[in-house]
Amino acid sequence: MFAVVYVGGKQIKVREKDTVDVEKLEVEAGKNVKLAEVLLMGEEDGSDLKIGTPYVEGAHVECEVVEHAKDDKVRVFKFNPKKRYHKTQGHRQNYTTLRVLKISGKKATVKKEDKKEEAAI
């Protein structure tokens, strides 16, 4: 099973037992967090696909916070030729590593009428 989750202004595709890096969350390492903003979920083969409007009702992803860390330094260098201007800046983004424990949501139910139509085809 996989899900697309909205975390920290980004959409991230996750599977069970994956580890993902997201924007820093204010949760202690070792604690569990529940991500309720699930945009899409389904099976790997494409069956039982549920698309939210904007979120899938009753769906959530349970994760464990592994660690908090900083990303590699990004150097920003500004330079104007012939003006004697140059400026260097650095930036390190904070992030949180999550381990996906469980993806859960309501199963898609097929109405009896739909089954009859499928059988007739």
PDB file of N, CA and C in Angstrom:
ATOM      1  N   MET A   1       0.844  -1.171   0.000  1.00  0.00           N
ATOM      2  CA  MET A   1       0.000   0.000   0.000  1.00  0.00           C
ATOM      3  C   MET A   1       0.892   1.239   0.000  1.00  0.00           C
ATOM      4  N   PHE A   2       0.446   2.277  -0.684  1.00  0.00           N
ATOM      5  CA  PHE A   2       1.161   3.538  -0.702  1.00  0.00           C
ATOM      6  C   PHE A   2       0.183   4.673  -0.460  1.00  0.00           C
ATOM      7  N   ALA A   3       0.741   5.843  -0.123  1.00  0.00           N
ATOM      8  CA  ALA A   3      -0.083   7.028   0.095  1.00  0.00           C
ATOM      9  C   ALA A   3       0.726   8.262  -0.288  1.00  0.00           C
ATOM     10  N   VAL A   4       0.029   9.294  -0.692  1.00  0.00           N
ATOM     11  CA  VAL A   4       0.642  10.597  -0.941  1.00  0.00           C
ATOM     12  C   VAL A   4       0.170  11.504   0.178  1.00  0.00           C
ATOM     13  N   VAL A   5       1.149  12.025   0.948  1.00  0.00           N
ATOM     14  CA  VAL A   5       0.857  12.786   2.153  1.00  0.00           C
ATOM     15  C   VAL A   5       1.344  14.217   1.958  1.00  0.00           C
ATOM     16  N   TYR A   6       0.585  15.169   2.503  1.00  0.00           N
ATOM     17  CA  TYR A   6       0.964  16.585   2.452  1.00  0.00           C
ATOM     18  C   TYR A   6       1.604  16.949   3.794  1.00  0.00           C
ATOM     19  N   VAL A   7       2.920  17.199   3.769  1.00  0.00           N
ATOM     20  CA  VAL A   7       3.655  17.536   4.991  1.00  0.00           C
ATOM     21  C   VAL A   7       4.617  18.673   4.687  1.00  0.00           C
ATOM     22  N   GLY A   8       4.586  19.713   5.490  1.00  0.00           N
ATOM     23  CA  GLY A   8       5.552  20.800   5.353  1.00  0.00           C
ATOM     24  C   GLY A   8       5.501  21.517   4.021  1.00  0.00           C
ATOM     25  N   GLY A   9       4.317  21.613   3.419  1.00  0.00           N
ATOM     26  CA  GLY A   9       4.181  22.323   2.154  1.00  0.00           C
ATOM     27  C   GLY A   9       4.574  21.494   0.944  1.00  0.00           C
ATOM     28  N   LYS A  10       4.847  20.203   1.140  1.00  0.00           N
ATOM     29  CA  LYS A  10       5.251  19.333   0.043  1.00  0.00           C
ATOM     30  C   LYS A  10       4.392  18.073   0.029  1.00  0.00           C
ATOM     31  N   GLN A  11       4.277  17.474  -1.148  1.00  0.00           N
ATOM     32  CA  GLN A  11       3.569  16.208  -1.287  1.00  0.00           C
ATOM     33  C   GLN A  11       4.604  15.095  -1.384  1.00  0.00           C
ATOM     34  N   ILE A  12       4.470  14.086  -0.531  1.00  0.00           N
ATOM     35  CA  ILE A  12       5.465  13.022  -0.459  1.00  0.00           C
ATOM     36  C   ILE A  12       4.774  11.681  -0.611  1.00  0.00           C
ATOM     37  N   LYS A  13       5.311  10.832  -1.495  1.00  0.00           N
ATOM     38  CA  LYS A  13       4.780   9.480  -1.673  1.00  0.00           C
ATOM     39  C   LYS A  13       5.478   8.566  -0.672  1.00  0.00           C
ATOM     40  N   VAL A  14       4.697   7.849   0.144  1.00  0.00           N
ATOM     41  CA  VAL A  14       5.261   6.976   1.173  1.00  0.00           C
ATOM     42  C   VAL A  14       4.672   5.576   1.055  1.00  0.00           C
ATOM     43  N   ARG A  15       5.473   4.603   1.481  1.00  0.00           N
ATOM     44  CA  ARG A  15       5.043   3.210   1.594  1.00  0.00           C
ATOM     45  C   ARG A  15       5.327   2.770   3.019  1.00  0.00           C
ATOM     46  N   GLU A  16       4.718   1.671   3.439  1.00  0.00           N
ATOM     47  CA  GLU A  16       4.979   1.157   4.776  1.00  0.00           C
ATOM     48  C   GLU A  16       6.436   0.726   4.881  1.00  0.00           C
ATOM     49  N   LYS A  17       7.049   0.983   6.042  1.00  0.00           N
ATOM     50  CA  LYS A  17       8.445   0.668   6.375  1.00  0.00           C
ATOM     51  C   LYS A  17       9.456   1.543   5.641  1.00  0.00           C
ATOM     52  N   ASP A  18       9.017   2.613   4.963  1.00  0.00           N
ATOM     53  CA  ASP A  18       9.929   3.571   4.333  1.00  0.00           C
ATOM     54  C   ASP A  18      10.426   4.565   5.371  1.00  0.00           C
ATOM     55  N   THR A  19      11.570   5.186   5.089  1.00  0.00           N
ATOM     56  CA  THR A  19      12.024   6.330   5.868  1.00  0.00           C
ATOM     57  C   THR A  19      12.067   7.526   4.928  1.00  0.00           C
ATOM     58  N   VAL A  20      11.508   8.650   5.379  1.00  0.00           N
ATOM     59  CA  VAL A  20      11.445   9.851   4.554  1.00  0.00           C
ATOM     60  C   VAL A  20      11.917  11.047   5.372  1.00  0.00           C
ATOM     61  N   ASP A  21      12.483  12.020   4.678  1.00  0.00           N
ATOM     62  CA  ASP A  21      12.895  13.276   5.297  1.00  0.00           C
ATOM     63  C   ASP A  21      11.859  14.335   4.961  1.00  0.00           C
ATOM     64  N   VAL A  22      11.351  15.022   5.997  1.00  0.00           N
ATOM     65  CA  VAL A  22      10.352  16.070   5.821  1.00  0.00           C
ATOM     66  C   VAL A  22      10.837  17.331   6.523  1.00  0.00           C
ATOM     67  N   GLU A  23      10.135  18.435   6.294  1.00  0.00           N
ATOM     68  CA  GLU A  23      10.449  19.664   7.009  1.00  0.00           C
ATOM     69  C   GLU A  23      10.379  19.407   8.511  1.00  0.00           C
ATOM     70  N   LYS A  24      11.105  20.171   9.293  1.00  0.00           N
ATOM     71  CA  LYS A  24      11.205  19.918  10.733  1.00  0.00           C
ATOM     72  C   LYS A  24       9.834  19.956  11.400  1.00  0.00           C
ATOM     73  N   LEU A  25       9.558  18.906  12.188  1.00  0.00           N
ATOM     74  CA  LEU A  25       8.340  18.817  12.974  1.00  0.00           C
ATOM     75  C   LEU A  25       8.695  18.998  14.445  1.00  0.00           C
ATOM     76  N   GLU A  26       7.829  19.636  15.199  1.00  0.00           N
ATOM     77  CA  GLU A  26       8.071  19.886  16.624  1.00  0.00           C
ATOM     78  C   GLU A  26       7.606  18.699  17.461  1.00  0.00           C
ATOM     79  N   VAL A  27       8.206  17.529  17.227  1.00  0.00           N
ATOM     80  CA  VAL A  27       7.893  16.309  17.960  1.00  0.00           C
ATOM     81  C   VAL A  27       9.218  15.687  18.386  1.00  0.00           C
ATOM     82  N   GLU A  28       9.271  15.170  19.618  1.00  0.00           N
ATOM     83  CA  GLU A  28      10.506  14.585  20.124  1.00  0.00           C
ATOM     84  C   GLU A  28      10.854  13.315  19.362  1.00  0.00           C
ATOM     85  N   ALA A  29      12.161  13.019  19.272  1.00  0.00           N
ATOM     86  CA  ALA A  29      12.613  11.795  18.629  1.00  0.00           C
ATOM     87  C   ALA A  29      12.150  10.596  19.441  1.00  0.00           C
ATOM     88  N   GLY A  30      11.708   9.553  18.756  1.00  0.00           N
ATOM     89  CA  GLY A  30      11.198   8.360  19.417  1.00  0.00           C
ATOM     90  C   GLY A  30       9.689   8.348  19.582  1.00  0.00           C
ATOM     91  N   LYS A  31       9.043   9.480  19.434  1.00  0.00           N
ATOM     92  CA  LYS A  31       7.582   9.569  19.561  1.00  0.00           C
ATOM     93  C   LYS A  31       6.926   9.227  18.227  1.00  0.00           C
ATOM     94  N   ASN A  32       5.646   8.910  18.284  1.00  0.00           N
ATOM     95  CA  ASN A  32       4.874   8.648  17.078  1.00  0.00           C
ATOM     96  C   ASN A  32       4.070   9.877  16.698  1.00  0.00           C
ATOM     97  N   VAL A  33       3.855  10.050  15.404  1.00  0.00           N
ATOM     98  CA  VAL A  33       3.071  11.167  14.893  1.00  0.00           C
ATOM     99  C   VAL A  33       2.098  10.612  13.859  1.00  0.00           C
ATOM    100  N   LYS A  34       0.895  11.187  13.818  1.00  0.00           N
ATOM    101  CA  LYS A  34      -0.128  10.756  12.876  1.00  0.00           C
ATOM    102  C   LYS A  34      -0.314  11.854  11.842  1.00  0.00           C
ATOM    103  N   LEU A  35      -0.104  11.524  10.568  1.00  0.00           N
ATOM    104  CA  LEU A  35      -0.283  12.470   9.478  1.00  0.00           C
ATOM    105  C   LEU A  35      -1.660  12.234   8.874  1.00  0.00           C
ATOM    106  N   ALA A  36      -2.550  13.209   9.020  1.00  0.00           N
ATOM    107  CA  ALA A  36      -3.938  13.037   8.600  1.00  0.00           C
ATOM    108  C   ALA A  36      -4.235  13.643   7.230  1.00  0.00           C
ATOM    109  N   GLU A  37      -3.302  14.384   6.662  1.00  0.00           N
ATOM    110  CA  GLU A  37      -3.542  15.024   5.373  1.00  0.00           C
ATOM    111  C   GLU A  37      -3.085  14.087   4.245  1.00  0.00           C
ATOM    112  N   VAL A  38      -3.888  13.061   3.991  1.00  0.00           N
ATOM    113  CA  VAL A  38      -3.600  12.068   2.954  1.00  0.00           C
ATOM    114  C   VAL A  38      -4.344  12.485   1.691  1.00  0.00           C
ATOM    115  N   LEU A  39      -3.602  12.751   0.622  1.00  0.00           N
ATOM    116  CA  LEU A  39      -4.203  13.209  -0.626  1.00  0.00           C
ATOM    117  C   LEU A  39      -4.672  12.059  -1.505  1.00  0.00           C
ATOM    118  N   LEU A  40      -3.948  10.922  -1.441  1.00  0.00           N
ATOM    119  CA  LEU A  40      -4.249   9.792  -2.300  1.00  0.00           C
ATOM    120  C   LEU A  40      -3.734   8.539  -1.629  1.00  0.00           C
ATOM    121  N   MET A  41      -4.428   7.430  -1.784  1.00  0.00           N
ATOM    122  CA  MET A  41      -3.914   6.167  -1.267  1.00  0.00           C
ATOM    123  C   MET A  41      -4.442   5.019  -2.105  1.00  0.00           C
ATOM    124  N   GLY A  42      -3.668   3.932  -2.130  1.00  0.00           N
ATOM    125  CA  GLY A  42      -4.082   2.778  -2.912  1.00  0.00           C
ATOM    126  C   GLY A  42      -3.061   1.674  -2.847  1.00  0.00           C
ATOM    127  N   GLU A  43      -3.316   0.610  -3.576  1.00  0.00           N
ATOM    128  CA  GLU A  43      -2.408  -0.528  -3.649  1.00  0.00           C
ATOM    129  C   GLU A  43      -1.357  -0.262  -4.722  1.00  0.00           C
ATOM    130  N   GLU A  44      -0.259  -1.010  -4.662  1.00  0.00           N
ATOM    131  CA  GLU A  44       0.846  -0.811  -5.596  1.00  0.00           C
ATOM    132  C   GLU A  44       0.440  -1.108  -7.043  1.00  0.00           C
ATOM    133  N   ASP A  45      -0.460  -2.058  -7.245  1.00  0.00           N
ATOM    134  CA  ASP A  45      -0.862  -2.419  -8.604  1.00  0.00           C
ATOM    135  C   ASP A  45      -1.926  -1.480  -9.179  1.00  0.00           C
ATOM    136  N   GLY A  46      -2.334  -0.477  -8.420  1.00  0.00           N
ATOM    137  CA  GLY A  46      -3.299   0.509  -8.897  1.00  0.00           C
ATOM    138  C   GLY A  46      -4.731   0.198  -8.524  1.00  0.00           C
ATOM    139  N   SER A  47      -4.961  -0.938  -7.890  1.00  0.00           N
ATOM    140  CA  SER A  47      -6.323  -1.262  -7.477  1.00  0.00           C
ATOM    141  C   SER A  47      -6.637  -0.560  -6.166  1.00  0.00           C
ATOM    142  N   ASP A  48      -7.901  -0.420  -5.866  1.00  0.00           N
ATOM    143  CA  ASP A  48      -8.372   0.211  -4.629  1.00  0.00           C
ATOM    144  C   ASP A  48      -7.789   1.612  -4.448  1.00  0.00           C
ATOM    145  N   LEU A  49      -7.764   2.387  -5.532  1.00  0.00           N
ATOM    146  CA  LEU A  49      -7.216   3.736  -5.498  1.00  0.00           C
ATOM    147  C   LEU A  49      -8.273   4.705  -4.988  1.00  0.00           C
ATOM    148  N   LYS A  50      -7.897   5.503  -3.967  1.00  0.00           N
ATOM    149  CA  LYS A  50      -8.801   6.508  -3.415  1.00  0.00           C
ATOM    150  C   LYS A  50      -8.148   7.873  -3.543  1.00  0.00           C
ATOM    151  N   ILE A  51      -8.866   8.807  -4.136  1.00  0.00           N
ATOM    152  CA  ILE A  51      -8.367  10.159  -4.338  1.00  0.00           C
ATOM    153  C   ILE A  51      -9.196  11.084  -3.477  1.00  0.00           C
ATOM    154  N   GLY A  52      -8.531  11.929  -2.701  1.00  0.00           N
ATOM    155  CA  GLY A  52      -9.227  12.828  -1.796  1.00  0.00           C
ATOM    156  C   GLY A  52      -9.667  14.109  -2.456  1.00  0.00           C
ATOM    157  N   THR A  53     -10.625  14.783  -1.822  1.00  0.00           N
ATOM    158  CA  THR A  53     -11.096  16.081  -2.309  1.00  0.00           C
ATOM    159  C   THR A  53     -11.151  17.076  -1.172  1.00  0.00           C
ATOM    160  N   PRO A  54     -10.138  17.672  -0.669  1.00  0.00           N
ATOM    161  CA  PRO A  54      -8.734  17.467  -1.020  1.00  0.00           C
ATOM    162  C   PRO A  54      -8.085  16.312  -0.277  1.00  0.00           C
ATOM    163  N   TYR A  55      -8.662  15.844   0.845  1.00  0.00           N
ATOM    164  CA  TYR A  55      -8.051  14.769   1.612  1.00  0.00           C
ATOM    165  C   TYR A  55      -8.972  13.558   1.646  1.00  0.00           C
ATOM    166  N   VAL A  56      -8.378  12.374   1.776  1.00  0.00           N
ATOM    167  CA  VAL A  56      -9.150  11.137   1.872  1.00  0.00           C
ATOM    168  C   VAL A  56      -9.737  11.053   3.279  1.00  0.00           C
ATOM    169  N   GLU A  57     -11.054  10.866   3.358  1.00  0.00           N
ATOM    170  CA  GLU A  57     -11.720  10.814   4.665  1.00  0.00           C
ATOM    171  C   GLU A  57     -11.322   9.562   5.431  1.00  0.00           C
ATOM    172  N   GLY A  58     -11.007   9.735   6.710  1.00  0.00           N
ATOM    173  CA  GLY A  58     -10.707   8.605   7.576  1.00  0.00           C
ATOM    174  C   GLY A  58      -9.345   7.977   7.359  1.00  0.00           C
ATOM    175  N   ALA A  59      -8.540   8.538   6.490  1.00  0.00           N
ATOM    176  CA  ALA A  59      -7.222   7.970   6.210  1.00  0.00           C
ATOM    177  C   ALA A  59      -6.159   8.717   7.008  1.00  0.00           C
ATOM    178  N   HIS A  60      -5.143   7.980   7.461  1.00  0.00           N
ATOM    179  CA  HIS A  60      -4.014   8.604   8.133  1.00  0.00           C
ATOM    180  C   HIS A  60      -2.795   7.693   8.012  1.00  0.00           C
ATOM    181  N   VAL A  61      -1.635   8.292   8.207  1.00  0.00           N
ATOM    182  CA  VAL A  61      -0.371   7.569   8.151  1.00  0.00           C
ATOM    183  C   VAL A  61       0.302   7.728   9.501  1.00  0.00           C
ATOM    184  N   GLU A  62       0.617   6.602  10.131  1.00  0.00           N
ATOM    185  CA  GLU A  62       1.301   6.632  11.421  1.00  0.00           C
ATOM    186  C   GLU A  62       2.794   6.502  11.189  1.00  0.00           C
ATOM    187  N   CYS A  63       3.571   7.428  11.784  1.00  0.00           N
ATOM    188  CA  CYS A  63       5.018   7.451  11.600  1.00  0.00           C
ATOM    189  C   CYS A  63       5.711   7.563  12.949  1.00  0.00           C
ATOM    190  N   GLU A  64       6.946   7.106  12.982  1.00  0.00           N
ATOM    191  CA  GLU A  64       7.796   7.260  14.157  1.00  0.00           C
ATOM    192  C   GLU A  64       8.888   8.263  13.812  1.00  0.00           C
ATOM    193  N   VAL A  65       9.142   9.211  14.709  1.00  0.00           N
ATOM    194  CA  VAL A  65      10.187  10.198  14.491  1.00  0.00           C
ATOM    195  C   VAL A  65      11.518   9.540  14.837  1.00  0.00           C
ATOM    196  N   VAL A  66      12.396   9.418  13.838  1.00  0.00           N
ATOM    197  CA  VAL A  66      13.689   8.774  14.038  1.00  0.00           C
ATOM    198  C   VAL A  66      14.698   9.767  14.591  1.00  0.00           C
ATOM    199  N   GLU A  67      14.844  10.921  13.916  1.00  0.00           N
ATOM    200  CA  GLU A  67      15.817  11.920  14.361  1.00  0.00           C
ATOM    201  C   GLU A  67      15.504  13.287  13.755  1.00  0.00           C
ATOM    202  N   HIS A  68      16.127  14.301  14.342  1.00  0.00           N
ATOM    203  CA  HIS A  68      16.116  15.653  13.798  1.00  0.00           C
ATOM    204  C   HIS A  68      17.547  15.950  13.387  1.00  0.00           C
ATOM    205  N   ALA A  69      17.731  16.579  12.228  1.00  0.00           N
ATOM    206  CA  ALA A  69      19.084  16.856  11.746  1.00  0.00           C
ATOM    207  C   ALA A  69      19.063  18.090  10.848  1.00  0.00           C
ATOM    208  N   LYS A  70      20.255  18.457  10.385  1.00  0.00           N
ATOM    209  CA  LYS A  70      20.394  19.563   9.440  1.00  0.00           C
ATOM    210  C   LYS A  70      20.931  19.024   8.134  1.00  0.00           C
ATOM    211  N   ASP A  71      20.455  19.594   7.036  1.00  0.00           N
ATOM    212  CA  ASP A  71      20.884  19.191   5.712  1.00  0.00           C
ATOM    213  C   ASP A  71      22.258  19.776   5.406  1.00  0.00           C
ATOM    214  N   ASP A  72      22.821  19.406   4.263  1.00  0.00           N
ATOM    215  CA  ASP A  72      24.115  19.957   3.857  1.00  0.00           C
ATOM    216  C   ASP A  72      23.996  21.458   3.615  1.00  0.00           C
ATOM    217  N   LYS A  73      25.122  22.150   3.747  1.00  0.00           N
ATOM    218  CA  LYS A  73      25.134  23.594   3.561  1.00  0.00           C
ATOM    219  C   LYS A  73      24.999  23.939   2.083  1.00  0.00           C
ATOM    220  N   VAL A  74      24.151  24.923   1.821  1.00  0.00           N
ATOM    221  CA  VAL A  74      23.980  25.452   0.477  1.00  0.00           C
ATOM    222  C   VAL A  74      24.618  26.828   0.468  1.00  0.00           C
ATOM    223  N   ARG A  75      25.531  27.053  -0.449  1.00  0.00           N
ATOM    224  CA  ARG A  75      26.204  28.345  -0.539  1.00  0.00           C
ATOM    225  C   ARG A  75      25.540  29.188  -1.627  1.00  0.00           C
ATOM    226  N   VAL A  76      25.248  30.443  -1.280  1.00  0.00           N
ATOM    227  CA  VAL A  76      24.659  31.395  -2.208  1.00  0.00           C
ATOM    228  C   VAL A  76      25.691  32.484  -2.440  1.00  0.00           C
ATOM    229  N   PHE A  77      26.097  32.666  -3.698  1.00  0.00           N
ATOM    230  CA  PHE A  77      27.121  33.665  -4.023  1.00  0.00           C
ATOM    231  C   PHE A  77      26.544  34.650  -5.025  1.00  0.00           C
ATOM    232  N   LYS A  78      26.523  35.929  -4.631  1.00  0.00           N
ATOM    233  CA  LYS A  78      26.031  36.981  -5.509  1.00  0.00           C
ATOM    234  C   LYS A  78      27.232  37.799  -5.966  1.00  0.00           C
ATOM    235  N   PHE A  79      27.238  38.154  -7.259  1.00  0.00           N
ATOM    236  CA  PHE A  79      28.392  38.848  -7.822  1.00  0.00           C
ATOM    237  C   PHE A  79      27.941  39.754  -8.955  1.00  0.00           C
ATOM    238  N   ASN A  80      28.353  41.005  -8.909  1.00  0.00           N
ATOM    239  CA  ASN A  80      28.123  41.942 -10.010  1.00  0.00           C
ATOM    240  C   ASN A  80      29.485  42.347 -10.574  1.00  0.00           C
ATOM    241  N   PRO A  81      29.763  42.017 -11.809  1.00  0.00           N
ATOM    242  CA  PRO A  81      31.061  42.378 -12.374  1.00  0.00           C
ATOM    243  C   PRO A  81      31.195  43.898 -12.542  1.00  0.00           C
ATOM    244  N   LYS A  82      32.406  44.374 -12.364  1.00  0.00           N
ATOM    245  CA  LYS A  82      32.780  45.789 -12.542  1.00  0.00           C
ATOM    246  C   LYS A  82      32.139  46.714 -11.520  1.00  0.00           C
ATOM    247  N   LYS A  83      31.504  46.191 -10.483  1.00  0.00           N
ATOM    248  CA  LYS A  83      30.875  47.023  -9.459  1.00  0.00           C
ATOM    249  C   LYS A  83      31.503  46.791  -8.087  1.00  0.00           C
ATOM    250  N   ARG A  84      32.478  45.921  -8.004  1.00  0.00           N
ATOM    251  CA  ARG A  84      33.143  45.555  -6.748  1.00  0.00           C
ATOM    252  C   ARG A  84      32.138  45.062  -5.703  1.00  0.00           C
ATOM    253  N   TYR A  85      31.184  44.249  -6.171  1.00  0.00           N
ATOM    254  CA  TYR A  85      30.166  43.715  -5.272  1.00  0.00           C
ATOM    255  C   TYR A  85      30.211  42.195  -5.315  1.00  0.00           C
ATOM    256  N   HIS A  86      30.343  41.599  -4.173  1.00  0.00           N
ATOM    257  CA  HIS A  86      30.180  40.152  -4.054  1.00  0.00           C
ATOM    258  C   HIS A  86      29.731  39.855  -2.626  1.00  0.00           C
ATOM    259  N   LYS A  87      28.894  38.842  -2.504  1.00  0.00           N
ATOM    260  CA  LYS A  87      28.327  38.505  -1.210  1.00  0.00           C
ATOM    261  C   LYS A  87      28.141  36.992  -1.151  1.00  0.00           C
ATOM    262  N   THR A  88      28.555  36.386  -0.061  1.00  0.00           N
ATOM    263  CA  THR A  88      28.409  34.945   0.127  1.00  0.00           C
ATOM    264  C   THR A  88      27.527  34.697   1.336  1.00  0.00           C
ATOM    265  N   GLN A  89      26.552  33.808   1.167  1.00  0.00           N
ATOM    266  CA  GLN A  89      25.691  33.405   2.259  1.00  0.00           C
ATOM    267  C   GLN A  89      25.632  31.887   2.291  1.00  0.00           C
ATOM    268  N   GLY A  90      25.365  31.340   3.475  1.00  0.00           N
ATOM    269  CA  GLY A  90      25.193  29.904   3.607  1.00  0.00           C
ATOM    270  C   GLY A  90      23.884  29.611   4.307  1.00  0.00           C
ATOM    271  N   HIS A  91      23.351  28.416   4.055  1.00  0.00           N
ATOM    272  CA  HIS A  91      22.078  28.032   4.663  1.00  0.00           C
ATOM    273  C   HIS A  91      22.063  26.532   4.876  1.00  0.00           C
ATOM    274  N   ARG A  92      21.616  26.093   6.068  1.00  0.00           N
ATOM    275  CA  ARG A  92      21.423  24.676   6.359  1.00  0.00           C
ATOM    276  C   ARG A  92      19.983  24.486   6.808  1.00  0.00           C
ATOM    277  N   GLN A  93      19.233  23.677   6.074  1.00  0.00           N
ATOM    278  CA  GLN A  93      17.822  23.456   6.361  1.00  0.00           C
ATOM    279  C   GLN A  93      17.656  22.364   7.417  1.00  0.00           C
ATOM    280  N   ASN A  94      16.798  22.607   8.402  1.00  0.00           N
ATOM    281  CA  ASN A  94      16.462  21.590   9.400  1.00  0.00           C
ATOM    282  C   ASN A  94      15.450  20.617   8.805  1.00  0.00           C
ATOM    283  N   TYR A  95      15.586  19.333   9.148  1.00  0.00           N
ATOM    284  CA  TYR A  95      14.614  18.356   8.689  1.00  0.00           C
ATOM    285  C   TYR A  95      14.419  17.276   9.744  1.00  0.00           C
ATOM    286  N   THR A  96      13.357  16.505   9.590  1.00  0.00           N
ATOM    287  CA  THR A  96      13.022  15.408  10.484  1.00  0.00           C
ATOM    288  C   THR A  96      12.932  14.132   9.663  1.00  0.00           C
ATOM    289  N   THR A  97      13.529  13.067  10.160  1.00  0.00           N
ATOM    290  CA  THR A  97      13.452  11.763   9.498  1.00  0.00           C
ATOM    291  C   THR A  97      12.324  10.956  10.137  1.00  0.00           C
ATOM    292  N   LEU A  98      11.411  10.474   9.301  1.00  0.00           N
ATOM    293  CA  LEU A  98      10.262   9.699   9.760  1.00  0.00           C
ATOM    294  C   LEU A  98      10.339   8.279   9.209  1.00  0.00           C
ATOM    295  N   ARG A  99       9.927   7.303  10.018  1.00  0.00           N
ATOM    296  CA  ARG A  99       9.777   5.922   9.571  1.00  0.00           C
ATOM    297  C   ARG A  99       8.281   5.627   9.540  1.00  0.00           C
ATOM    298  N   VAL A 100       7.785   5.230   8.382  1.00  0.00           N
ATOM    299  CA  VAL A 100       6.359   4.963   8.217  1.00  0.00           C
ATOM    300  C   VAL A 100       6.049   3.602   8.829  1.00  0.00           C
ATOM    301  N   LEU A 101       5.140   3.586   9.797  1.00  0.00           N
ATOM    302  CA  LEU A 101       4.757   2.357  10.472  1.00  0.00           C
ATOM    303  C   LEU A 101       3.528   1.720   9.830  1.00  0.00           C
ATOM    304  N   LYS A 102       2.504   2.540   9.563  1.00  0.00           N
ATOM    305  CA  LYS A 102       1.238   1.983   9.111  1.00  0.00           C
ATOM    306  C   LYS A 102       0.474   3.011   8.291  1.00  0.00           C
ATOM    307  N   ILE A 103      -0.111   2.553   7.201  1.00  0.00           N
ATOM    308  CA  ILE A 103      -1.006   3.381   6.394  1.00  0.00           C
ATOM    309  C   ILE A 103      -2.392   2.792   6.557  1.00  0.00           C
ATOM    310  N   SER A 104      -3.326   3.570   7.062  1.00  0.00           N
ATOM    311  CA  SER A 104      -4.657   3.027   7.292  1.00  0.00           C
ATOM    312  C   SER A 104      -5.718   3.982   6.777  1.00  0.00           C
ATOM    313  N   GLY A 105      -6.829   3.401   6.398  1.00  0.00           N
ATOM    314  CA  GLY A 105      -7.957   4.172   5.902  1.00  0.00           C
ATOM    315  C   GLY A 105      -9.114   3.241   5.654  1.00  0.00           C
ATOM    316  N   LYS A 106     -10.231   3.820   5.353  1.00  0.00           N
ATOM    317  CA  LYS A 106     -11.412   3.015   5.073  1.00  0.00           C
ATOM    318  C   LYS A 106     -11.233   2.305   3.740  1.00  0.00           C
ATOM    319  N   LYS A 107     -11.662   1.065   3.682  1.00  0.00           N
ATOM    320  CA  LYS A 107     -11.621   0.315   2.430  1.00  0.00           C
ATOM    321  C   LYS A 107     -12.683   0.865   1.496  1.00  0.00           C
ATOM    322  N   ALA A 108     -12.363   0.890   0.220  1.00  0.00           N
ATOM    323  CA  ALA A 108     -13.350   1.332  -0.763  1.00  0.00           C
ATOM    324  C   ALA A 108     -14.403   0.247  -0.899  1.00  0.00           C
ATOM    325  N   THR A 109     -15.639   0.640  -0.778  1.00  0.00           N
ATOM    326  CA  THR A 109     -16.721  -0.337  -0.869  1.00  0.00           C
ATOM    327  C   THR A 109     -17.377  -0.228  -2.232  1.00  0.00           C
ATOM    328  N   VAL A 110     -17.683  -1.373  -2.801  1.00  0.00           N
ATOM    329  CA  VAL A 110     -18.357  -1.415  -4.089  1.00  0.00           C
ATOM    330  C   VAL A 110     -19.817  -1.741  -3.824  1.00  0.00           C
ATOM    331  N   LYS A 111     -20.699  -0.934  -4.350  1.00  0.00           N
ATOM    332  CA  LYS A 111     -22.134  -1.146  -4.150  1.00  0.00           C
ATOM    333  C   LYS A 111     -22.584  -2.382  -4.931  1.00  0.00           C
ATOM    334  N   LYS A 112     -23.666  -3.001  -4.472  1.00  0.00           N
ATOM    335  CA  LYS A 112     -24.191  -4.196  -5.129  1.00  0.00           C
ATOM    336  C   LYS A 112     -24.604  -3.895  -6.566  1.00  0.00           C
ATOM    337  N   GLU A 113     -25.119  -2.693  -6.816  1.00  0.00           N
ATOM    338  CA  GLU A 113     -25.534  -2.310  -8.161  1.00  0.00           C
ATOM    339  C   GLU A 113     -24.338  -2.315  -9.105  1.00  0.00           C
ATOM    340  N   ASP A 114     -23.173  -1.825  -8.621  1.00  0.00           N
ATOM    341  CA  ASP A 114     -21.971  -1.797  -9.441  1.00  0.00           C
ATOM    342  C   ASP A 114     -21.508  -3.212  -9.759  1.00  0.00           C
ATOM    343  N   LYS A 115     -21.634  -4.129  -8.800  1.00  0.00           N
ATOM    344  CA  LYS A 115     -21.239  -5.518  -9.048  1.00  0.00           C
ATOM    345  C   LYS A 115     -22.103  -6.153 -10.112  1.00  0.00           C
ATOM    346  N   LYS A 116     -23.407  -5.843 -10.092  1.00  0.00           N
ATOM    347  CA  LYS A 116     -24.313  -6.394 -11.087  1.00  0.00           C
ATOM    348  C   LYS A 116     -23.956  -5.893 -12.483  1.00  0.00           C
ATOM    349  N   GLU A 117     -23.599  -4.613 -12.588  1.00  0.00           N
ATOM    350  CA  GLU A 117     -23.222  -4.034 -13.876  1.00  0.00           C
ATOM    351  C   GLU A 117     -21.940  -4.674 -14.395  1.00  0.00           C
ATOM    352  N   GLU A 118     -20.969  -4.929 -13.493  1.00  0.00           N
ATOM    353  CA  GLU A 118     -19.714  -5.559 -13.888  1.00  0.00           C
ATOM    354  C   GLU A 118     -19.969  -6.985 -14.370  1.00  0.00           C
ATOM    355  N   ALA A 119     -20.879  -7.705 -13.709  1.00  0.00           N
ATOM    356  CA  ALA A 119     -21.191  -9.076 -14.094  1.00  0.00           C
ATOM    357  C   ALA A 119     -21.876  -9.123 -15.459  1.00  0.00           C
ATOM    358  N   ALA A 120     -22.669  -8.103 -15.783  1.00  0.00           N
ATOM    359  CA  ALA A 120     -23.390  -8.070 -17.066  1.00  0.00           C
ATOM    360  C   ALA A 120     -22.447  -7.794 -18.227  1.00  0.00           C
ATOM    361  N   ILE A 121     -21.335  -7.166 -17.975  1.00  0.00           N
ATOM    362  CA  ILE A 121     -20.391  -6.803 -19.044  1.00  0.00           C
ATOM    363  C   ILE A 121     -19.553  -7.950 -19.405  1.00  0.00           C
TER     364      ILE A 121
END
